[in-house]
Amino acid sequence: MTIDIEGIRARRAAITPGPWQSELEGDRFTVWSQNAWTWQEVVSTDHLNPSTRDAENAKFIAAAPADIDALLAEVERLRTIAATVAADLRREMDDAMSNEWPDLHGDVVRNAIRRLEESKEAQP
């Protein structure tokens, strides 16, 4: 599965600035954004037959920007770890091959490097 990280970042950057919060007023659930000067309505429900999950939906929407920021940071952290591991494995492979390491172990390391490199290629 390929994730369009740059697309996610672009969509995240284009939304109404936050922080966002949700609020219940009668039958209406609203997600608000507060900037330095004013409150701005981001999304709301205003209908005669509200869903039984409107409150949960509003809370989810309000939390989405911060959740997405945390997930993007985690993706970046894991990609950095994967790149470091691949580089370490490549160095180990080079060292092992220069010491005439048995081919079986070389295949294990080569396969691990290949899998890491393939996972990097699948990333945008």
N, C-alpha and C. Protein backbone atom coordinates (compact mmCIF):
# COMPACT_ATOMS: atom_id res chain seq x y z
N MET A 1 0.85 -1.18 0.00
CA MET A 1 0.00 0.00 0.00
C MET A 1 0.89 1.24 0.00
N THR A 2 0.65 2.11 -0.92
CA THR A 2 1.41 3.36 -1.00
C THR A 2 0.58 4.47 -0.38
N ILE A 3 1.21 5.23 0.47
CA ILE A 3 0.55 6.35 1.13
C ILE A 3 1.10 7.64 0.54
N ASP A 4 0.21 8.50 0.12
CA ASP A 4 0.60 9.79 -0.46
C ASP A 4 0.86 10.79 0.66
N ILE A 5 2.03 10.68 1.29
CA ILE A 5 2.37 11.53 2.43
C ILE A 5 2.36 13.00 2.04
N GLU A 6 2.91 13.33 0.90
CA GLU A 6 2.93 14.74 0.48
C GLU A 6 1.52 15.26 0.24
N GLY A 7 0.65 14.42 -0.31
CA GLY A 7 -0.74 14.81 -0.49
C GLY A 7 -1.43 15.06 0.84
N ILE A 8 -1.17 14.19 1.81
CA ILE A 8 -1.73 14.36 3.15
C ILE A 8 -1.21 15.67 3.76
N ARG A 9 0.09 15.89 3.64
CA ARG A 9 0.66 17.14 4.18
C ARG A 9 0.03 18.37 3.52
N ALA A 10 -0.18 18.31 2.20
CA ALA A 10 -0.78 19.45 1.48
C ALA A 10 -2.22 19.68 1.93
N ARG A 11 -3.00 18.61 2.06
CA ARG A 11 -4.38 18.76 2.52
C ARG A 11 -4.41 19.27 3.96
N ARG A 12 -3.50 18.80 4.78
CA ARG A 12 -3.43 19.25 6.18
C ARG A 12 -3.07 20.74 6.23
N ALA A 13 -2.15 21.17 5.39
CA ALA A 13 -1.73 22.57 5.40
C ALA A 13 -2.83 23.50 4.88
N ALA A 14 -3.76 22.98 4.09
CA ALA A 14 -4.79 23.82 3.48
C ALA A 14 -6.02 24.04 4.36
N ILE A 15 -6.14 23.33 5.48
CA ILE A 15 -7.35 23.45 6.29
C ILE A 15 -7.34 24.72 7.13
N THR A 16 -8.48 25.02 7.70
CA THR A 16 -8.60 26.15 8.62
C THR A 16 -7.65 25.94 9.78
N PRO A 17 -6.84 26.95 10.11
CA PRO A 17 -5.91 26.79 11.23
C PRO A 17 -6.64 26.49 12.54
N GLY A 18 -5.99 25.83 13.44
CA GLY A 18 -6.58 25.44 14.71
C GLY A 18 -5.99 26.21 15.87
N PRO A 19 -6.20 25.74 17.05
CA PRO A 19 -6.73 24.41 17.39
C PRO A 19 -8.24 24.33 17.16
N TRP A 20 -8.71 23.10 16.92
CA TRP A 20 -10.13 22.86 16.70
C TRP A 20 -10.72 22.27 17.97
N GLN A 21 -12.01 22.53 18.18
CA GLN A 21 -12.73 21.88 19.27
C GLN A 21 -14.16 21.65 18.84
N SER A 22 -14.86 20.73 19.51
CA SER A 22 -16.24 20.44 19.17
C SER A 22 -17.16 20.94 20.27
N GLU A 23 -18.40 21.20 19.87
CA GLU A 23 -19.36 21.77 20.82
C GLU A 23 -20.77 21.28 20.47
N LEU A 24 -21.58 21.00 21.49
CA LEU A 24 -22.98 20.60 21.30
C LEU A 24 -23.86 21.76 21.76
N GLU A 25 -24.77 22.15 20.87
CA GLU A 25 -25.75 23.19 21.19
C GLU A 25 -27.10 22.69 20.71
N GLY A 26 -27.92 22.18 21.59
CA GLY A 26 -29.20 21.59 21.19
C GLY A 26 -28.96 20.39 20.31
N ASP A 27 -29.50 20.41 19.09
CA ASP A 27 -29.32 19.32 18.13
C ASP A 27 -28.12 19.56 17.22
N ARG A 28 -27.40 20.63 17.44
CA ARG A 28 -26.33 21.02 16.53
C ARG A 28 -24.96 20.76 17.15
N PHE A 29 -24.16 20.01 16.42
CA PHE A 29 -22.77 19.79 16.80
C PHE A 29 -21.91 20.62 15.87
N THR A 30 -21.00 21.36 16.44
CA THR A 30 -20.16 22.25 15.65
C THR A 30 -18.70 22.01 15.98
N VAL A 31 -17.86 22.07 14.96
CA VAL A 31 -16.41 22.06 15.16
C VAL A 31 -15.95 23.49 14.88
N TRP A 32 -15.28 24.06 15.84
CA TRP A 32 -14.81 25.45 15.77
C TRP A 32 -13.30 25.50 15.72
N SER A 33 -12.81 26.54 15.10
CA SER A 33 -11.37 26.81 15.09
C SER A 33 -11.17 28.17 15.72
N GLN A 34 -10.19 28.24 16.63
CA GLN A 34 -9.89 29.52 17.25
C GLN A 34 -8.52 29.97 16.80
N ASN A 35 -8.47 31.15 16.20
CA ASN A 35 -7.16 31.74 15.92
C ASN A 35 -6.96 32.90 16.90
N ALA A 36 -5.99 33.70 16.69
CA ALA A 36 -5.64 34.74 17.65
C ALA A 36 -6.76 35.74 17.87
N TRP A 37 -7.63 35.97 16.87
CA TRP A 37 -8.61 37.03 16.99
C TRP A 37 -10.06 36.57 17.05
N THR A 38 -10.36 35.40 16.50
CA THR A 38 -11.77 35.05 16.35
C THR A 38 -11.98 33.54 16.34
N TRP A 39 -13.23 33.14 16.53
CA TRP A 39 -13.63 31.75 16.38
C TRP A 39 -14.23 31.59 14.99
N GLN A 40 -13.95 30.47 14.33
CA GLN A 40 -14.48 30.22 13.01
C GLN A 40 -15.11 28.84 12.97
N GLU A 41 -16.34 28.75 12.43
CA GLU A 41 -17.00 27.46 12.28
C GLU A 41 -16.31 26.68 11.18
N VAL A 42 -15.90 25.44 11.49
CA VAL A 42 -15.23 24.58 10.53
C VAL A 42 -16.26 23.68 9.85
N VAL A 43 -17.10 23.05 10.64
CA VAL A 43 -18.15 22.16 10.13
C VAL A 43 -19.21 22.04 11.21
N SER A 44 -20.46 21.82 10.79
CA SER A 44 -21.52 21.64 11.78
C SER A 44 -22.64 20.79 11.23
N THR A 45 -23.42 20.23 12.15
CA THR A 45 -24.65 19.55 11.79
C THR A 45 -25.78 20.46 12.24
N ASP A 46 -26.75 20.62 11.41
CA ASP A 46 -27.88 21.46 11.76
C ASP A 46 -29.09 20.90 11.02
N HIS A 47 -29.66 19.85 11.60
CA HIS A 47 -30.76 19.18 10.92
C HIS A 47 -31.77 18.66 11.93
N LEU A 48 -32.92 18.25 11.45
CA LEU A 48 -34.00 17.82 12.33
C LEU A 48 -33.76 16.43 12.92
N ASN A 49 -33.05 15.59 12.22
CA ASN A 49 -32.83 14.22 12.68
C ASN A 49 -31.34 13.95 12.82
N PRO A 50 -30.73 14.46 13.86
CA PRO A 50 -29.28 14.26 13.99
C PRO A 50 -28.94 12.78 14.17
N SER A 51 -27.77 12.42 13.68
CA SER A 51 -27.27 11.06 13.84
C SER A 51 -26.96 10.82 15.30
N THR A 52 -27.08 9.57 15.72
CA THR A 52 -26.74 9.24 17.11
C THR A 52 -25.24 9.36 17.34
N ARG A 53 -24.47 9.51 16.27
CA ARG A 53 -23.01 9.61 16.40
C ARG A 53 -22.49 11.00 16.06
N ASP A 54 -23.34 11.99 15.97
CA ASP A 54 -22.89 13.33 15.63
C ASP A 54 -21.83 13.84 16.60
N ALA A 55 -22.03 13.61 17.89
CA ALA A 55 -21.05 14.09 18.88
C ALA A 55 -19.70 13.43 18.67
N GLU A 56 -19.71 12.10 18.45
CA GLU A 56 -18.46 11.38 18.22
C GLU A 56 -17.81 11.82 16.91
N ASN A 57 -18.62 12.02 15.89
CA ASN A 57 -18.09 12.48 14.60
C ASN A 57 -17.44 13.86 14.76
N ALA A 58 -18.11 14.76 15.46
CA ALA A 58 -17.57 16.11 15.67
C ALA A 58 -16.26 16.05 16.45
N LYS A 59 -16.19 15.21 17.49
CA LYS A 59 -14.95 15.07 18.27
C LYS A 59 -13.82 14.51 17.41
N PHE A 60 -14.16 13.53 16.56
CA PHE A 60 -13.16 12.95 15.67
C PHE A 60 -12.62 14.00 14.70
N ILE A 61 -13.53 14.75 14.10
CA ILE A 61 -13.13 15.79 13.15
C ILE A 61 -12.27 16.84 13.85
N ALA A 62 -12.68 17.24 15.04
CA ALA A 62 -11.92 18.25 15.77
C ALA A 62 -10.51 17.77 16.12
N ALA A 63 -10.37 16.48 16.41
CA ALA A 63 -9.07 15.93 16.77
C ALA A 63 -8.20 15.59 15.57
N ALA A 64 -8.80 15.52 14.38
CA ALA A 64 -8.09 15.06 13.18
C ALA A 64 -6.80 15.82 12.87
N PRO A 65 -6.77 17.16 12.89
CA PRO A 65 -5.51 17.83 12.56
C PRO A 65 -4.35 17.43 13.47
N ALA A 66 -4.59 17.39 14.77
CA ALA A 66 -3.52 17.01 15.70
C ALA A 66 -3.15 15.53 15.52
N ASP A 67 -4.15 14.68 15.29
CA ASP A 67 -3.88 13.26 15.06
C ASP A 67 -3.04 13.06 13.80
N ILE A 68 -3.38 13.78 12.74
CA ILE A 68 -2.63 13.67 11.48
C ILE A 68 -1.20 14.15 11.67
N ASP A 69 -1.02 15.26 12.40
CA ASP A 69 0.34 15.74 12.67
C ASP A 69 1.16 14.66 13.40
N ALA A 70 0.54 14.01 14.39
CA ALA A 70 1.24 12.96 15.14
C ALA A 70 1.56 11.77 14.25
N LEU A 71 0.63 11.37 13.40
CA LEU A 71 0.87 10.24 12.49
C LEU A 71 1.95 10.56 11.47
N LEU A 72 1.95 11.77 10.93
CA LEU A 72 3.01 12.16 9.98
C LEU A 72 4.37 12.14 10.65
N ALA A 73 4.43 12.61 11.89
CA ALA A 73 5.70 12.58 12.63
C ALA A 73 6.17 11.15 12.85
N GLU A 74 5.24 10.25 13.15
CA GLU A 74 5.59 8.84 13.36
C GLU A 74 6.06 8.20 12.07
N VAL A 75 5.42 8.49 10.95
CA VAL A 75 5.85 7.97 9.65
C VAL A 75 7.28 8.43 9.37
N GLU A 76 7.54 9.70 9.59
CA GLU A 76 8.89 10.25 9.36
C GLU A 76 9.92 9.56 10.26
N ARG A 77 9.55 9.35 11.53
CA ARG A 77 10.46 8.68 12.48
C ARG A 77 10.77 7.26 12.01
N LEU A 78 9.74 6.53 11.60
CA LEU A 78 9.93 5.14 11.17
C LEU A 78 10.72 5.06 9.86
N ARG A 79 10.50 6.00 8.96
CA ARG A 79 11.28 6.03 7.71
C ARG A 79 12.75 6.29 8.00
N THR A 80 13.02 7.16 8.95
CA THR A 80 14.40 7.44 9.34
C THR A 80 15.05 6.18 9.92
N ILE A 81 14.32 5.47 10.76
CA ILE A 81 14.84 4.22 11.34
C ILE A 81 15.11 3.21 10.23
N ALA A 82 14.17 3.06 9.30
CA ALA A 82 14.35 2.09 8.20
C ALA A 82 15.58 2.43 7.37
N ALA A 83 15.78 3.71 7.10
CA ALA A 83 16.95 4.12 6.31
C ALA A 83 18.24 3.82 7.07
N THR A 84 18.24 4.06 8.36
CA THR A 84 19.42 3.79 9.20
C THR A 84 19.72 2.29 9.24
N VAL A 85 18.67 1.48 9.41
CA VAL A 85 18.86 0.03 9.45
C VAL A 85 19.39 -0.48 8.11
N ALA A 86 18.86 0.04 7.01
CA ALA A 86 19.33 -0.38 5.69
C ALA A 86 20.80 -0.03 5.51
N ALA A 87 21.19 1.16 5.94
CA ALA A 87 22.60 1.56 5.83
C ALA A 87 23.48 0.69 6.71
N ASP A 88 23.02 0.38 7.92
CA ASP A 88 23.78 -0.49 8.82
C ASP A 88 23.93 -1.89 8.23
N LEU A 89 22.85 -2.40 7.66
CA LEU A 89 22.91 -3.73 7.05
C LEU A 89 23.88 -3.75 5.87
N ARG A 90 23.84 -2.67 5.07
CA ARG A 90 24.75 -2.61 3.92
C ARG A 90 26.20 -2.61 4.40
N ARG A 91 26.51 -1.85 5.45
CA ARG A 91 27.87 -1.85 6.00
C ARG A 91 28.25 -3.23 6.52
N GLU A 92 27.32 -3.87 7.22
CA GLU A 92 27.59 -5.22 7.74
C GLU A 92 27.84 -6.19 6.58
N MET A 93 27.05 -6.06 5.54
CA MET A 93 27.21 -6.92 4.37
C MET A 93 28.58 -6.71 3.74
N ASP A 94 28.95 -5.45 3.57
CA ASP A 94 30.27 -5.15 2.99
C ASP A 94 31.39 -5.73 3.84
N ASP A 95 31.28 -5.56 5.16
CA ASP A 95 32.29 -6.10 6.07
C ASP A 95 32.33 -7.62 6.00
N ALA A 96 31.14 -8.21 5.99
CA ALA A 96 31.08 -9.68 5.98
C ALA A 96 31.65 -10.24 4.70
N MET A 97 31.36 -9.63 3.57
CA MET A 97 31.85 -10.15 2.31
C MET A 97 33.36 -9.97 2.19
N SER A 98 33.88 -8.91 2.79
CA SER A 98 35.33 -8.71 2.72
C SER A 98 36.06 -9.72 3.61
N ASN A 99 35.35 -10.30 4.58
CA ASN A 99 35.95 -11.30 5.46
C ASN A 99 35.58 -12.72 5.04
N GLU A 100 35.10 -12.86 3.82
CA GLU A 100 34.69 -14.16 3.30
C GLU A 100 33.69 -14.86 4.21
N TRP A 101 32.71 -14.06 4.62
CA TRP A 101 31.62 -14.59 5.45
C TRP A 101 30.89 -15.65 4.65
N PRO A 102 30.41 -16.72 5.28
CA PRO A 102 29.70 -17.76 4.52
C PRO A 102 28.53 -17.16 3.73
N ASP A 103 28.32 -17.66 2.52
CA ASP A 103 27.33 -17.11 1.60
C ASP A 103 25.92 -17.13 2.18
N LEU A 104 25.60 -18.14 3.01
CA LEU A 104 24.28 -18.22 3.60
C LEU A 104 23.97 -16.95 4.38
N HIS A 105 24.89 -16.50 5.21
CA HIS A 105 24.67 -15.28 5.99
C HIS A 105 24.61 -14.07 5.06
N GLY A 106 25.42 -14.08 4.03
CA GLY A 106 25.37 -12.99 3.06
C GLY A 106 24.00 -12.89 2.40
N ASP A 107 23.41 -14.05 2.08
CA ASP A 107 22.07 -14.05 1.49
C ASP A 107 21.04 -13.48 2.45
N VAL A 108 21.16 -13.80 3.72
CA VAL A 108 20.22 -13.28 4.72
C VAL A 108 20.30 -11.76 4.76
N VAL A 109 21.52 -11.24 4.82
CA VAL A 109 21.69 -9.79 4.88
C VAL A 109 21.25 -9.15 3.57
N ARG A 110 21.63 -9.76 2.43
CA ARG A 110 21.21 -9.21 1.13
C ARG A 110 19.69 -9.16 1.02
N ASN A 111 19.01 -10.21 1.47
CA ASN A 111 17.55 -10.23 1.42
C ASN A 111 16.94 -9.17 2.33
N ALA A 112 17.53 -8.97 3.49
CA ALA A 112 17.03 -7.93 4.40
C ALA A 112 17.19 -6.55 3.78
N ILE A 113 18.34 -6.32 3.16
CA ILE A 113 18.58 -5.04 2.48
C ILE A 113 17.58 -4.85 1.34
N ARG A 114 17.37 -5.90 0.56
CA ARG A 114 16.44 -5.82 -0.57
C ARG A 114 15.03 -5.47 -0.08
N ARG A 115 14.58 -6.13 1.01
CA ARG A 115 13.24 -5.85 1.52
C ARG A 115 13.12 -4.41 2.00
N LEU A 116 14.14 -3.92 2.68
CA LEU A 116 14.11 -2.52 3.14
C LEU A 116 14.11 -1.56 1.96
N GLU A 117 14.93 -1.84 0.96
CA GLU A 117 14.98 -0.96 -0.21
C GLU A 117 13.66 -0.99 -0.98
N GLU A 118 13.03 -2.17 -1.08
CA GLU A 118 11.74 -2.26 -1.75
C GLU A 118 10.68 -1.47 -0.99
N SER A 119 10.74 -1.53 0.34
CA SER A 119 9.75 -0.77 1.12
C SER A 119 9.98 0.73 0.94
N LYS A 120 11.23 1.15 0.77
CA LYS A 120 11.52 2.57 0.52
C LYS A 120 11.02 2.99 -0.85
N GLU A 121 11.17 2.11 -1.86
CA GLU A 121 10.71 2.42 -3.21
C GLU A 121 9.20 2.57 -3.28
N ALA A 122 8.50 1.87 -2.40
CA ALA A 122 7.03 1.94 -2.39
C ALA A 122 6.54 3.25 -1.79
N GLN A 123 7.44 3.97 -1.12
CA GLN A 123 7.07 5.25 -0.52
C GLN A 123 7.15 6.36 -1.57
N PRO A 124 6.25 7.35 -1.42
CA PRO A 124 6.28 8.46 -2.39
C PRO A 124 7.52 9.30 -2.25
